[in-house]
Amino acid sequence: MDRYRRRRETLVATVVAAGLCGGVWLIDNSPTPERPPPQPSADGVAEEPRPARLLEKVVPLVASAPTRIRIPVIEVDAPITGLGLDTDGSLEPPPEDDPNLVGWYRDGTAPGVRGTAIFAGHVDRAEGPSVFYGLGALRKGNRVEVARRDGRTAVFTVYAIEVYGRDDFPDQRVYGSTGRPEIRLITCGGGYSHQEGYLGNVVVYGRLAEVREG
């Protein structure tokens, strides 16, 4: 069973990566941003990985779909919608008509379960900033709260905030399982071109730190 689960997680990571590593998958025709979104600082780079048993302080949860995500330090309080894959195997982008909506890859890992849960949100649109505009301003130690359908809230601690160019997106690093319950929050970033839009992606890494009832 463990071997099968690891194989499935690797397959899912590879399929999802095919849809994300293009760098402008969230906004194909973004206007020139009047206020460029914040970008990660140099001290946001992840530390060297350590064995899961040394870092796991909370018992992993059983699967339950997420319903809402809160990131207090950047004033995010948003509902969550499930995302699937398009016919070409790429991840569907979150709907563009609601700037305060976060997408979760529903065929992957649920938040709080051992593995990597993937969340995506737009950075901006023609009318202004969207839900993940401030993602690059996060710092290590900030909290991300994910409410789940079972009434529990999985609380994650941010341990890295990194930015990658579209041609250097590290699929396995971002989507692969560390053996712990973790999340990745992904949006556009890494500079902007009038011809090509955003040139990369901002990725926030978090690990499960607490489970609350309600």
N, C-alpha and C. Protein backbone atom coordinates (compact mmCIF):
# COMPACT_ATOMS: atom_id res chain seq x y z
N MET A 1 0.83 -1.21 0.00
CA MET A 1 0.00 0.00 0.00
C MET A 1 0.87 1.26 0.00
N ASP A 2 1.91 1.31 0.84
CA ASP A 2 2.78 2.48 0.88
C ASP A 2 3.45 2.70 -0.46
N ARG A 3 3.90 1.60 -1.08
CA ARG A 3 4.56 1.72 -2.38
C ARG A 3 3.58 2.25 -3.41
N TYR A 4 2.32 1.76 -3.36
CA TYR A 4 1.31 2.22 -4.31
C TYR A 4 1.02 3.70 -4.11
N ARG A 5 0.89 4.12 -2.83
CA ARG A 5 0.58 5.52 -2.54
C ARG A 5 1.71 6.43 -3.02
N ARG A 6 2.96 6.04 -2.77
CA ARG A 6 4.08 6.86 -3.22
C ARG A 6 4.10 6.98 -4.73
N ARG A 7 3.81 5.86 -5.42
CA ARG A 7 3.80 5.88 -6.88
C ARG A 7 2.71 6.80 -7.39
N ARG A 8 1.53 6.74 -6.75
CA ARG A 8 0.42 7.60 -7.17
C ARG A 8 0.74 9.06 -6.95
N GLU A 9 1.36 9.39 -5.78
CA GLU A 9 1.71 10.78 -5.49
C GLU A 9 2.70 11.31 -6.51
N THR A 10 3.66 10.48 -6.91
CA THR A 10 4.65 10.91 -7.91
C THR A 10 3.98 11.16 -9.24
N LEU A 11 3.03 10.27 -9.62
CA LEU A 11 2.32 10.43 -10.88
C LEU A 11 1.49 11.70 -10.87
N VAL A 12 0.76 11.93 -9.77
CA VAL A 12 -0.05 13.13 -9.66
C VAL A 12 0.82 14.37 -9.74
N ALA A 13 1.96 14.36 -9.04
CA ALA A 13 2.87 15.51 -9.06
C ALA A 13 3.33 15.82 -10.47
N THR A 14 3.67 14.77 -11.23
CA THR A 14 4.15 14.97 -12.58
C THR A 14 3.06 15.53 -13.48
N VAL A 15 1.84 15.02 -13.35
CA VAL A 15 0.74 15.50 -14.18
C VAL A 15 0.41 16.95 -13.87
N VAL A 16 0.36 17.28 -12.56
CA VAL A 16 0.05 18.65 -12.18
C VAL A 16 1.15 19.59 -12.63
N ALA A 17 2.39 19.16 -12.49
CA ALA A 17 3.52 20.01 -12.88
C ALA A 17 3.44 20.40 -14.34
N ALA A 18 2.92 19.50 -15.17
CA ALA A 18 2.82 19.80 -16.59
C ALA A 18 1.94 21.01 -16.83
N GLY A 19 0.99 21.24 -15.92
CA GLY A 19 0.10 22.37 -16.09
C GLY A 19 0.59 23.64 -15.44
N LEU A 20 1.55 23.54 -14.50
CA LEU A 20 1.96 24.70 -13.73
C LEU A 20 3.28 25.30 -14.16
N CYS A 21 4.17 24.51 -14.70
CA CYS A 21 5.53 25.01 -14.88
C CYS A 21 5.66 25.99 -16.02
N GLY A 22 4.57 26.27 -16.73
CA GLY A 22 4.63 27.28 -17.78
C GLY A 22 4.81 28.68 -17.25
N GLY A 23 4.53 28.91 -15.97
CA GLY A 23 4.83 30.19 -15.35
C GLY A 23 3.71 31.21 -15.42
N VAL A 24 2.87 31.16 -16.45
CA VAL A 24 1.76 32.12 -16.53
C VAL A 24 0.44 31.36 -16.57
N TRP A 25 0.41 30.23 -15.94
CA TRP A 25 -0.79 29.40 -15.99
C TRP A 25 -1.98 30.02 -15.28
N LEU A 26 -1.74 30.96 -14.37
CA LEU A 26 -2.84 31.59 -13.65
C LEU A 26 -3.43 32.76 -14.42
N ILE A 27 -2.62 33.48 -15.13
CA ILE A 27 -3.09 34.66 -15.84
C ILE A 27 -2.48 34.67 -17.22
N ASP A 28 -3.27 34.37 -18.23
CA ASP A 28 -2.75 34.29 -19.58
C ASP A 28 -2.61 35.66 -20.22
N ASN A 29 -3.50 36.57 -19.88
CA ASN A 29 -3.50 37.89 -20.51
C ASN A 29 -3.57 38.98 -19.46
N SER A 30 -2.66 38.92 -18.53
CA SER A 30 -2.66 39.87 -17.43
C SER A 30 -2.28 41.26 -17.90
N PRO A 31 -2.99 42.30 -17.41
CA PRO A 31 -2.58 43.66 -17.72
C PRO A 31 -1.30 44.00 -16.98
N THR A 32 -0.62 45.03 -17.40
CA THR A 32 0.57 45.47 -16.69
C THR A 32 0.18 45.88 -15.27
N PRO A 33 0.76 45.25 -14.25
CA PRO A 33 0.36 45.59 -12.88
C PRO A 33 0.83 46.98 -12.49
N GLU A 34 -0.11 47.79 -11.96
CA GLU A 34 0.26 49.12 -11.49
C GLU A 34 1.09 49.02 -10.22
N ARG A 35 0.77 48.04 -9.39
CA ARG A 35 1.54 47.79 -8.17
C ARG A 35 2.03 46.34 -8.21
N PRO A 36 3.26 46.11 -8.60
CA PRO A 36 3.76 44.74 -8.67
C PRO A 36 3.60 44.03 -7.33
N PRO A 37 3.20 42.78 -7.32
CA PRO A 37 3.03 42.06 -6.06
C PRO A 37 4.37 41.87 -5.36
N PRO A 38 4.36 41.76 -4.03
CA PRO A 38 5.61 41.55 -3.29
C PRO A 38 6.26 40.23 -3.69
N GLN A 39 7.58 40.20 -3.67
CA GLN A 39 8.32 38.99 -4.02
C GLN A 39 9.06 38.48 -2.78
N PRO A 40 9.31 37.18 -2.72
CA PRO A 40 9.98 36.60 -1.54
C PRO A 40 11.35 37.21 -1.30
N SER A 41 11.72 37.32 -0.03
CA SER A 41 13.05 37.81 0.32
C SER A 41 14.04 36.66 0.34
N ALA A 42 15.31 36.98 0.39
CA ALA A 42 16.35 35.95 0.34
C ALA A 42 16.29 35.01 1.54
N ASP A 43 15.78 35.48 2.68
CA ASP A 43 15.75 34.62 3.86
C ASP A 43 14.57 33.66 3.86
N GLY A 44 13.82 33.64 2.76
CA GLY A 44 12.69 32.72 2.68
C GLY A 44 13.03 31.36 2.11
N VAL A 45 14.28 31.16 1.70
CA VAL A 45 14.69 29.89 1.10
C VAL A 45 14.59 28.77 2.12
N ALA A 46 14.16 27.60 1.66
CA ALA A 46 13.97 26.46 2.55
C ALA A 46 15.29 25.97 3.12
N GLU A 47 15.22 25.53 4.37
CA GLU A 47 16.39 24.91 4.98
C GLU A 47 16.58 23.50 4.40
N GLU A 48 17.73 22.91 4.69
CA GLU A 48 17.97 21.55 4.24
C GLU A 48 16.94 20.62 4.88
N PRO A 49 16.37 19.69 4.09
CA PRO A 49 15.36 18.78 4.65
C PRO A 49 15.93 17.89 5.74
N ARG A 50 15.11 17.63 6.75
CA ARG A 50 15.49 16.72 7.82
C ARG A 50 14.49 15.57 7.86
N PRO A 51 14.84 14.46 8.52
CA PRO A 51 13.93 13.32 8.55
C PRO A 51 12.56 13.71 9.08
N ALA A 52 11.52 13.15 8.48
CA ALA A 52 10.15 13.50 8.86
C ALA A 52 9.90 13.26 10.34
N ARG A 53 10.48 12.21 10.90
CA ARG A 53 10.20 11.87 12.30
C ARG A 53 10.71 12.95 13.26
N LEU A 54 11.66 13.77 12.83
CA LEU A 54 12.19 14.82 13.69
C LEU A 54 11.33 16.08 13.64
N LEU A 55 10.49 16.19 12.61
CA LEU A 55 9.72 17.40 12.40
C LEU A 55 8.23 17.23 12.65
N GLU A 56 7.76 16.02 12.63
CA GLU A 56 6.33 15.78 12.75
C GLU A 56 5.90 15.87 14.21
N LYS A 57 5.21 16.95 14.55
CA LYS A 57 4.79 17.18 15.92
C LYS A 57 3.29 16.94 16.11
N VAL A 58 2.57 16.77 14.99
CA VAL A 58 1.13 16.59 15.05
C VAL A 58 0.78 15.32 14.28
N VAL A 59 -0.14 14.55 14.82
CA VAL A 59 -0.57 13.32 14.15
C VAL A 59 -1.31 13.68 12.86
N PRO A 60 -0.94 13.12 11.72
CA PRO A 60 -1.64 13.42 10.47
C PRO A 60 -3.12 13.06 10.55
N LEU A 61 -3.93 13.79 9.81
CA LEU A 61 -5.36 13.59 9.79
C LEU A 61 -5.76 12.61 8.68
N VAL A 62 -7.02 12.15 8.75
CA VAL A 62 -7.59 11.41 7.62
C VAL A 62 -8.13 12.43 6.63
N ALA A 63 -8.38 12.01 5.42
CA ALA A 63 -8.76 12.93 4.36
C ALA A 63 -10.12 13.59 4.61
N SER A 64 -10.18 14.88 4.33
CA SER A 64 -11.42 15.65 4.35
C SER A 64 -11.18 16.90 3.50
N ALA A 65 -12.13 17.23 2.66
CA ALA A 65 -11.95 18.33 1.72
C ALA A 65 -11.85 19.67 2.45
N PRO A 66 -11.00 20.57 1.96
CA PRO A 66 -10.91 21.91 2.56
C PRO A 66 -12.07 22.80 2.12
N THR A 67 -12.47 23.71 2.99
CA THR A 67 -13.58 24.61 2.67
C THR A 67 -13.18 26.08 2.68
N ARG A 68 -12.14 26.42 3.45
CA ARG A 68 -11.76 27.83 3.55
C ARG A 68 -10.30 27.93 3.97
N ILE A 69 -9.63 28.97 3.49
CA ILE A 69 -8.23 29.20 3.84
C ILE A 69 -8.08 30.60 4.42
N ARG A 70 -7.31 30.70 5.50
CA ARG A 70 -7.07 31.98 6.15
C ARG A 70 -5.57 32.16 6.35
N ILE A 71 -5.07 33.33 5.95
CA ILE A 71 -3.67 33.68 6.18
C ILE A 71 -3.69 35.06 6.84
N PRO A 72 -3.81 35.12 8.15
CA PRO A 72 -4.05 36.39 8.85
C PRO A 72 -3.06 37.50 8.53
N VAL A 73 -1.75 37.18 8.39
CA VAL A 73 -0.75 38.22 8.25
C VAL A 73 -0.88 38.98 6.93
N ILE A 74 -1.49 38.39 5.91
CA ILE A 74 -1.72 39.11 4.65
C ILE A 74 -3.21 39.28 4.37
N GLU A 75 -4.03 39.08 5.42
CA GLU A 75 -5.47 39.35 5.39
C GLU A 75 -6.19 38.55 4.31
N VAL A 76 -5.82 37.30 4.18
CA VAL A 76 -6.54 36.39 3.28
C VAL A 76 -7.55 35.60 4.10
N ASP A 77 -8.79 35.60 3.64
CA ASP A 77 -9.88 34.81 4.23
C ASP A 77 -10.78 34.44 3.06
N ALA A 78 -10.55 33.26 2.50
CA ALA A 78 -11.16 32.95 1.21
C ALA A 78 -11.77 31.54 1.16
N PRO A 79 -12.86 31.40 0.43
CA PRO A 79 -13.41 30.07 0.19
C PRO A 79 -12.53 29.28 -0.77
N ILE A 80 -12.72 27.98 -0.78
CA ILE A 80 -11.91 27.09 -1.61
C ILE A 80 -12.81 26.33 -2.57
N THR A 81 -12.35 26.19 -3.79
CA THR A 81 -13.04 25.37 -4.78
C THR A 81 -12.10 24.29 -5.27
N GLY A 82 -12.65 23.13 -5.63
CA GLY A 82 -11.84 22.05 -6.15
C GLY A 82 -11.45 22.27 -7.60
N LEU A 83 -10.22 21.89 -7.94
CA LEU A 83 -9.73 22.00 -9.31
C LEU A 83 -9.38 20.61 -9.82
N GLY A 84 -9.68 20.37 -11.08
CA GLY A 84 -9.31 19.12 -11.72
C GLY A 84 -8.26 19.39 -12.79
N LEU A 85 -8.19 18.49 -13.76
CA LEU A 85 -7.25 18.63 -14.85
C LEU A 85 -7.99 18.89 -16.16
N ASP A 86 -7.41 19.73 -17.01
CA ASP A 86 -7.95 19.95 -18.34
C ASP A 86 -7.66 18.74 -19.22
N THR A 87 -8.22 18.76 -20.43
CA THR A 87 -8.04 17.64 -21.34
C THR A 87 -6.57 17.43 -21.72
N ASP A 88 -5.76 18.49 -21.64
CA ASP A 88 -4.34 18.35 -21.98
C ASP A 88 -3.49 17.92 -20.79
N GLY A 89 -4.14 17.63 -19.65
CA GLY A 89 -3.41 17.18 -18.47
C GLY A 89 -2.94 18.28 -17.56
N SER A 90 -3.21 19.54 -17.89
CA SER A 90 -2.79 20.65 -17.04
C SER A 90 -3.86 20.96 -16.00
N LEU A 91 -3.44 21.57 -14.92
CA LEU A 91 -4.36 21.91 -13.85
C LEU A 91 -5.28 23.04 -14.28
N GLU A 92 -6.57 22.89 -14.00
CA GLU A 92 -7.51 23.97 -14.28
C GLU A 92 -7.14 25.19 -13.44
N PRO A 93 -7.20 26.39 -13.98
CA PRO A 93 -6.99 27.58 -13.16
C PRO A 93 -8.24 27.87 -12.35
N PRO A 94 -8.11 28.54 -11.21
CA PRO A 94 -9.29 28.96 -10.46
C PRO A 94 -10.15 29.89 -11.33
N PRO A 95 -11.47 29.92 -11.11
CA PRO A 95 -12.32 30.83 -11.87
C PRO A 95 -11.85 32.27 -11.76
N GLU A 96 -11.90 33.00 -12.87
CA GLU A 96 -11.41 34.38 -12.89
C GLU A 96 -12.44 35.40 -12.44
N ASP A 97 -13.71 35.00 -12.33
CA ASP A 97 -14.75 35.98 -12.00
C ASP A 97 -14.86 36.26 -10.51
N ASP A 98 -14.10 35.53 -9.69
CA ASP A 98 -14.11 35.76 -8.24
C ASP A 98 -12.67 35.94 -7.78
N PRO A 99 -12.24 37.17 -7.50
CA PRO A 99 -10.84 37.40 -7.12
C PRO A 99 -10.48 36.83 -5.76
N ASN A 100 -11.49 36.54 -4.93
CA ASN A 100 -11.23 36.02 -3.58
C ASN A 100 -11.59 34.55 -3.50
N LEU A 101 -10.98 33.75 -4.39
CA LEU A 101 -11.27 32.32 -4.44
C LEU A 101 -9.96 31.56 -4.65
N VAL A 102 -9.76 30.53 -3.85
CA VAL A 102 -8.55 29.71 -3.93
C VAL A 102 -8.92 28.33 -4.45
N GLY A 103 -8.09 27.78 -5.33
CA GLY A 103 -8.32 26.45 -5.86
C GLY A 103 -7.46 25.41 -5.15
N TRP A 104 -8.02 24.22 -4.98
CA TRP A 104 -7.31 23.08 -4.39
C TRP A 104 -7.37 21.92 -5.37
N TYR A 105 -6.23 21.26 -5.59
CA TYR A 105 -6.21 20.12 -6.49
C TYR A 105 -6.90 18.95 -5.81
N ARG A 106 -8.17 18.72 -6.18
CA ARG A 106 -9.02 17.79 -5.44
C ARG A 106 -8.66 16.31 -5.63
N ASP A 107 -7.90 15.97 -6.66
CA ASP A 107 -7.49 14.59 -6.86
C ASP A 107 -6.14 14.29 -6.22
N GLY A 108 -5.59 15.28 -5.53
CA GLY A 108 -4.33 15.09 -4.83
C GLY A 108 -4.56 14.89 -3.34
N THR A 109 -3.65 15.41 -2.54
CA THR A 109 -3.68 15.24 -1.09
C THR A 109 -4.59 16.26 -0.43
N ALA A 110 -5.37 15.81 0.56
CA ALA A 110 -6.17 16.73 1.36
C ALA A 110 -5.30 17.37 2.43
N PRO A 111 -5.58 18.61 2.82
CA PRO A 111 -4.75 19.28 3.83
C PRO A 111 -4.81 18.58 5.18
N GLY A 112 -3.64 18.33 5.75
CA GLY A 112 -3.55 17.66 7.04
C GLY A 112 -3.22 16.18 6.91
N VAL A 113 -3.39 15.64 5.70
CA VAL A 113 -3.04 14.25 5.43
C VAL A 113 -1.56 14.18 5.09
N ARG A 114 -0.92 13.06 5.37
CA ARG A 114 0.49 12.92 5.03
C ARG A 114 0.65 13.02 3.51
N GLY A 115 1.47 13.96 3.06
CA GLY A 115 1.63 14.24 1.64
C GLY A 115 1.58 15.75 1.42
N THR A 116 1.50 16.15 0.16
CA THR A 116 1.53 17.57 -0.19
C THR A 116 0.22 18.02 -0.81
N ALA A 117 -0.50 18.90 -0.12
CA ALA A 117 -1.75 19.46 -0.63
C ALA A 117 -1.43 20.73 -1.43
N ILE A 118 -1.99 20.83 -2.62
CA ILE A 118 -1.66 21.91 -3.54
C ILE A 118 -2.81 22.91 -3.63
N PHE A 119 -2.49 24.19 -3.39
CA PHE A 119 -3.47 25.28 -3.50
C PHE A 119 -2.95 26.32 -4.49
N ALA A 120 -3.85 26.89 -5.26
CA ALA A 120 -3.47 27.88 -6.26
C ALA A 120 -4.45 29.05 -6.22
N GLY A 121 -3.95 30.25 -6.48
CA GLY A 121 -4.81 31.43 -6.51
C GLY A 121 -4.24 32.48 -7.45
N HIS A 122 -5.10 33.30 -8.00
CA HIS A 122 -4.66 34.38 -8.89
C HIS A 122 -3.92 35.45 -8.08
N VAL A 123 -2.99 36.12 -8.73
CA VAL A 123 -2.26 37.22 -8.09
C VAL A 123 -2.94 38.55 -8.35
N ASP A 124 -3.47 38.74 -9.55
CA ASP A 124 -4.21 39.98 -9.86
C ASP A 124 -5.05 39.77 -11.11
N ARG A 125 -5.79 40.82 -11.45
CA ARG A 125 -6.57 40.83 -12.68
C ARG A 125 -6.71 42.29 -13.10
N ALA A 126 -7.45 42.56 -14.16
CA ALA A 126 -7.53 43.92 -14.70
C ALA A 126 -8.01 44.92 -13.66
N GLU A 127 -8.89 44.47 -12.77
CA GLU A 127 -9.47 45.38 -11.78
C GLU A 127 -8.57 45.61 -10.57
N GLY A 128 -7.52 44.82 -10.41
CA GLY A 128 -6.63 45.01 -9.26
C GLY A 128 -6.18 43.70 -8.65
N PRO A 129 -5.66 43.74 -7.42
CA PRO A 129 -5.13 42.55 -6.77
C PRO A 129 -6.18 41.46 -6.56
N SER A 130 -5.71 40.20 -6.59
CA SER A 130 -6.56 39.05 -6.29
C SER A 130 -6.06 38.37 -5.02
N VAL A 131 -6.64 37.22 -4.71
CA VAL A 131 -6.51 36.60 -3.40
C VAL A 131 -5.06 36.33 -2.97
N PHE A 132 -4.20 35.93 -3.87
CA PHE A 132 -2.82 35.60 -3.50
C PHE A 132 -1.83 36.71 -3.88
N TYR A 133 -2.30 37.93 -3.98
CA TYR A 133 -1.44 39.06 -4.31
C TYR A 133 -0.30 39.20 -3.31
N GLY A 134 -0.58 39.00 -2.04
CA GLY A 134 0.41 39.23 -0.98
C GLY A 134 1.24 38.01 -0.62
N LEU A 135 1.13 36.94 -1.39
CA LEU A 135 1.80 35.69 -1.01
C LEU A 135 3.31 35.87 -0.83
N GLY A 136 3.93 36.67 -1.69
CA GLY A 136 5.37 36.87 -1.61
C GLY A 136 5.83 37.63 -0.39
N ALA A 137 4.89 38.23 0.34
CA ALA A 137 5.24 38.98 1.56
C ALA A 137 5.30 38.08 2.79
N LEU A 138 4.91 36.82 2.66
CA LEU A 138 4.96 35.92 3.81
C LEU A 138 6.40 35.68 4.24
N ARG A 139 6.55 35.33 5.50
CA ARG A 139 7.86 35.03 6.07
C ARG A 139 7.80 33.71 6.83
N LYS A 140 8.96 33.12 7.05
CA LYS A 140 9.01 31.89 7.82
C LYS A 140 8.37 32.10 9.19
N GLY A 141 7.57 31.12 9.59
CA GLY A 141 6.91 31.20 10.88
C GLY A 141 5.48 31.69 10.80
N ASN A 142 5.08 32.32 9.67
CA ASN A 142 3.69 32.74 9.51
C ASN A 142 2.78 31.51 9.45
N ARG A 143 1.51 31.71 9.82
CA ARG A 143 0.55 30.62 9.88
C ARG A 143 -0.43 30.67 8.71
N VAL A 144 -0.79 29.48 8.24
CA VAL A 144 -1.84 29.31 7.23
C VAL A 144 -2.86 28.35 7.81
N GLU A 145 -4.12 28.77 7.89
CA GLU A 145 -5.18 27.96 8.49
C GLU A 145 -6.11 27.47 7.39
N VAL A 146 -6.34 26.16 7.38
CA VAL A 146 -7.23 25.57 6.38
C VAL A 146 -8.38 24.86 7.09
N ALA A 147 -9.59 25.41 6.96
CA ALA A 147 -10.78 24.78 7.53
C ALA A 147 -11.20 23.62 6.64
N ARG A 148 -11.62 22.52 7.25
CA ARG A 148 -11.97 21.31 6.52
C ARG A 148 -13.44 20.96 6.72
N ARG A 149 -13.97 20.15 5.82
CA ARG A 149 -15.38 19.78 5.86
C ARG A 149 -15.74 19.00 7.12
N ASP A 150 -14.76 18.32 7.74
CA ASP A 150 -15.05 17.54 8.94
C ASP A 150 -15.10 18.39 10.20
N GLY A 151 -14.98 19.72 10.05
CA GLY A 151 -15.07 20.61 11.20
C GLY A 151 -13.73 20.92 11.85
N ARG A 152 -12.67 20.30 11.39
CA ARG A 152 -11.34 20.58 11.93
C ARG A 152 -10.63 21.64 11.09
N THR A 153 -9.70 22.34 11.73
CA THR A 153 -8.86 23.31 11.03
C THR A 153 -7.41 22.86 11.13
N ALA A 154 -6.79 22.64 9.98
CA ALA A 154 -5.38 22.28 9.92
C ALA A 154 -4.57 23.57 9.84
N VAL A 155 -3.66 23.76 10.79
CA VAL A 155 -2.85 24.97 10.86
C VAL A 155 -1.41 24.62 10.44
N PHE A 156 -0.91 25.33 9.44
CA PHE A 156 0.41 25.06 8.90
C PHE A 156 1.35 26.23 9.21
N THR A 157 2.60 25.92 9.46
CA THR A 157 3.62 26.92 9.65
C THR A 157 4.45 27.04 8.38
N VAL A 158 4.61 28.26 7.89
CA VAL A 158 5.40 28.50 6.69
C VAL A 158 6.88 28.28 7.01
N TYR A 159 7.55 27.48 6.18
CA TYR A 159 9.00 27.29 6.39
C TYR A 159 9.83 27.70 5.19
N ALA A 160 9.19 28.12 4.10
CA ALA A 160 9.94 28.63 2.96
C ALA A 160 8.99 29.38 2.03
N ILE A 161 9.51 30.42 1.38
CA ILE A 161 8.80 31.16 0.34
C ILE A 161 9.80 31.39 -0.78
N GLU A 162 9.57 30.77 -1.91
CA GLU A 162 10.54 30.83 -2.98
C GLU A 162 9.89 31.27 -4.29
N VAL A 163 10.70 31.76 -5.21
CA VAL A 163 10.21 32.18 -6.52
C VAL A 163 11.05 31.47 -7.58
N TYR A 164 10.37 30.97 -8.61
CA TYR A 164 11.03 30.20 -9.66
C TYR A 164 10.66 30.77 -11.02
N GLY A 165 11.63 30.82 -11.91
CA GLY A 165 11.37 31.16 -13.29
C GLY A 165 10.62 30.03 -13.98
N ARG A 166 9.92 30.36 -15.05
CA ARG A 166 9.08 29.36 -15.72
C ARG A 166 9.89 28.18 -16.26
N ASP A 167 11.15 28.41 -16.60
CA ASP A 167 11.97 27.33 -17.15
C ASP A 167 12.75 26.58 -16.08
N ASP A 168 12.62 27.02 -14.83
CA ASP A 168 13.38 26.40 -13.74
C ASP A 168 12.49 25.90 -12.62
N PHE A 169 11.23 25.62 -12.94
CA PHE A 169 10.29 25.20 -11.91
C PHE A 169 10.64 23.78 -11.45
N PRO A 170 10.94 23.60 -10.13
CA PRO A 170 11.38 22.29 -9.63
C PRO A 170 10.19 21.41 -9.25
N ASP A 171 9.70 20.66 -10.21
CA ASP A 171 8.47 19.89 -10.04
C ASP A 171 8.48 19.02 -8.78
N GLN A 172 9.51 18.22 -8.63
CA GLN A 172 9.54 17.28 -7.51
C GLN A 172 9.66 18.01 -6.18
N ARG A 173 10.43 19.08 -6.13
CA ARG A 173 10.60 19.85 -4.90
C ARG A 173 9.27 20.45 -4.45
N VAL A 174 8.50 20.95 -5.41
CA VAL A 174 7.24 21.61 -5.07
C VAL A 174 6.13 20.60 -4.81
N TYR A 175 5.97 19.61 -5.69
CA TYR A 175 4.81 18.73 -5.62
C TYR A 175 5.06 17.41 -4.90
N GLY A 176 6.32 17.01 -4.79
CA GLY A 176 6.61 15.71 -4.18
C GLY A 176 6.35 15.68 -2.69
N SER A 177 6.08 14.51 -2.16
CA SER A 177 5.83 14.33 -0.74
C SER A 177 7.12 14.29 0.05
N THR A 178 7.13 14.95 1.21
CA THR A 178 8.27 14.90 2.12
C THR A 178 8.09 13.81 3.17
N GLY A 179 6.93 13.15 3.14
CA GLY A 179 6.61 12.17 4.17
C GLY A 179 5.86 12.77 5.33
N ARG A 180 5.62 14.10 5.28
CA ARG A 180 4.90 14.81 6.33
C ARG A 180 3.65 15.45 5.72
N PRO A 181 2.69 15.88 6.55
CA PRO A 181 1.54 16.64 6.06
C PRO A 181 2.00 18.07 5.74
N GLU A 182 1.96 18.45 4.47
CA GLU A 182 2.42 19.77 4.06
C GLU A 182 1.45 20.40 3.06
N ILE A 183 1.64 21.69 2.82
CA ILE A 183 0.88 22.40 1.79
C ILE A 183 1.85 23.19 0.92
N ARG A 184 1.38 23.50 -0.29
CA ARG A 184 2.05 24.44 -1.17
C ARG A 184 1.00 25.44 -1.64
N LEU A 185 1.33 26.71 -1.55
CA LEU A 185 0.48 27.78 -2.07
C LEU A 185 1.21 28.39 -3.26
N ILE A 186 0.54 28.48 -4.40
CA ILE A 186 1.21 28.86 -5.64
C ILE A 186 0.46 29.99 -6.33
N THR A 187 1.21 30.98 -6.82
CA THR A 187 0.65 32.05 -7.62
C THR A 187 1.70 32.54 -8.61
N CYS A 188 1.33 33.51 -9.42
CA CYS A 188 2.28 34.06 -10.39
C CYS A 188 3.23 35.05 -9.72
N GLY A 189 4.39 35.23 -10.31
CA GLY A 189 5.37 36.18 -9.77
C GLY A 189 6.66 36.07 -10.56
N GLY A 190 7.74 36.55 -9.96
CA GLY A 190 9.04 36.42 -10.58
C GLY A 190 9.30 37.38 -11.72
N GLY A 191 8.74 38.57 -11.63
CA GLY A 191 8.95 39.54 -12.69
C GLY A 191 7.81 39.53 -13.70
N TYR A 192 7.78 40.57 -14.52
CA TYR A 192 6.66 40.74 -15.46
C TYR A 192 7.18 41.26 -16.79
N SER A 193 6.61 40.74 -17.86
CA SER A 193 6.96 41.17 -19.21
C SER A 193 5.69 41.58 -19.94
N HIS A 194 5.75 42.71 -20.67
CA HIS A 194 4.58 43.14 -21.45
C HIS A 194 4.20 42.10 -22.49
N GLN A 195 5.18 41.38 -22.99
CA GLN A 195 4.91 40.39 -24.03
C GLN A 195 4.45 39.05 -23.47
N GLU A 196 4.98 38.67 -22.31
CA GLU A 196 4.74 37.32 -21.81
C GLU A 196 3.97 37.25 -20.50
N GLY A 197 3.69 38.38 -19.87
CA GLY A 197 3.02 38.34 -18.58
C GLY A 197 4.01 38.02 -17.47
N TYR A 198 3.54 37.37 -16.41
CA TYR A 198 4.42 37.01 -15.30
C TYR A 198 5.40 35.94 -15.75
N LEU A 199 6.62 36.02 -15.25
CA LEU A 199 7.71 35.20 -15.74
C LEU A 199 8.00 33.97 -14.88
N GLY A 200 7.24 33.78 -13.83
CA GLY A 200 7.49 32.63 -12.97
C GLY A 200 6.38 32.45 -11.96
N ASN A 201 6.71 31.76 -10.89
CA ASN A 201 5.74 31.45 -9.84
C ASN A 201 6.34 31.66 -8.46
N VAL A 202 5.54 32.18 -7.55
CA VAL A 202 5.87 32.24 -6.13
C VAL A 202 5.26 30.99 -5.47
N VAL A 203 6.05 30.30 -4.67
CA VAL A 203 5.59 29.09 -3.99
C VAL A 203 5.86 29.21 -2.50
N VAL A 204 4.83 29.00 -1.70
CA VAL A 204 4.95 29.00 -0.24
C VAL A 204 4.87 27.55 0.25
N TYR A 205 5.83 27.19 1.11
CA TYR A 205 5.90 25.85 1.68
C TYR A 205 5.45 25.91 3.14
N GLY A 206 4.58 24.99 3.55
CA GLY A 206 4.16 24.95 4.94
C GLY A 206 4.03 23.52 5.43
N ARG A 207 4.24 23.31 6.74
CA ARG A 207 4.07 21.98 7.34
C ARG A 207 3.07 22.06 8.47
N LEU A 208 2.36 20.97 8.70
CA LEU A 208 1.32 20.92 9.72
C LEU A 208 1.90 21.15 11.10
N ALA A 209 1.32 22.13 11.82
CA ALA A 209 1.82 22.49 13.15
C ALA A 209 0.79 22.29 14.24
N GLU A 210 -0.50 22.28 13.85
CA GLU A 210 -1.56 22.23 14.87
C GLU A 210 -2.85 21.79 14.19
N VAL A 211 -3.71 21.15 14.96
CA VAL A 211 -5.06 20.81 14.51
C VAL A 211 -6.05 21.35 15.54
N ARG A 212 -6.99 22.16 15.06
CA ARG A 212 -8.01 22.72 15.95
C ARG A 212 -9.37 22.15 15.61
N GLU A 213 -10.20 22.03 16.60
CA GLU A 213 -11.59 21.65 16.38
C GLU A 213 -12.39 22.90 16.06
N GLY A 214 -13.01 22.93 14.88
CA GLY A 214 -13.81 24.09 14.51
C GLY A 214 -13.01 25.13 13.76
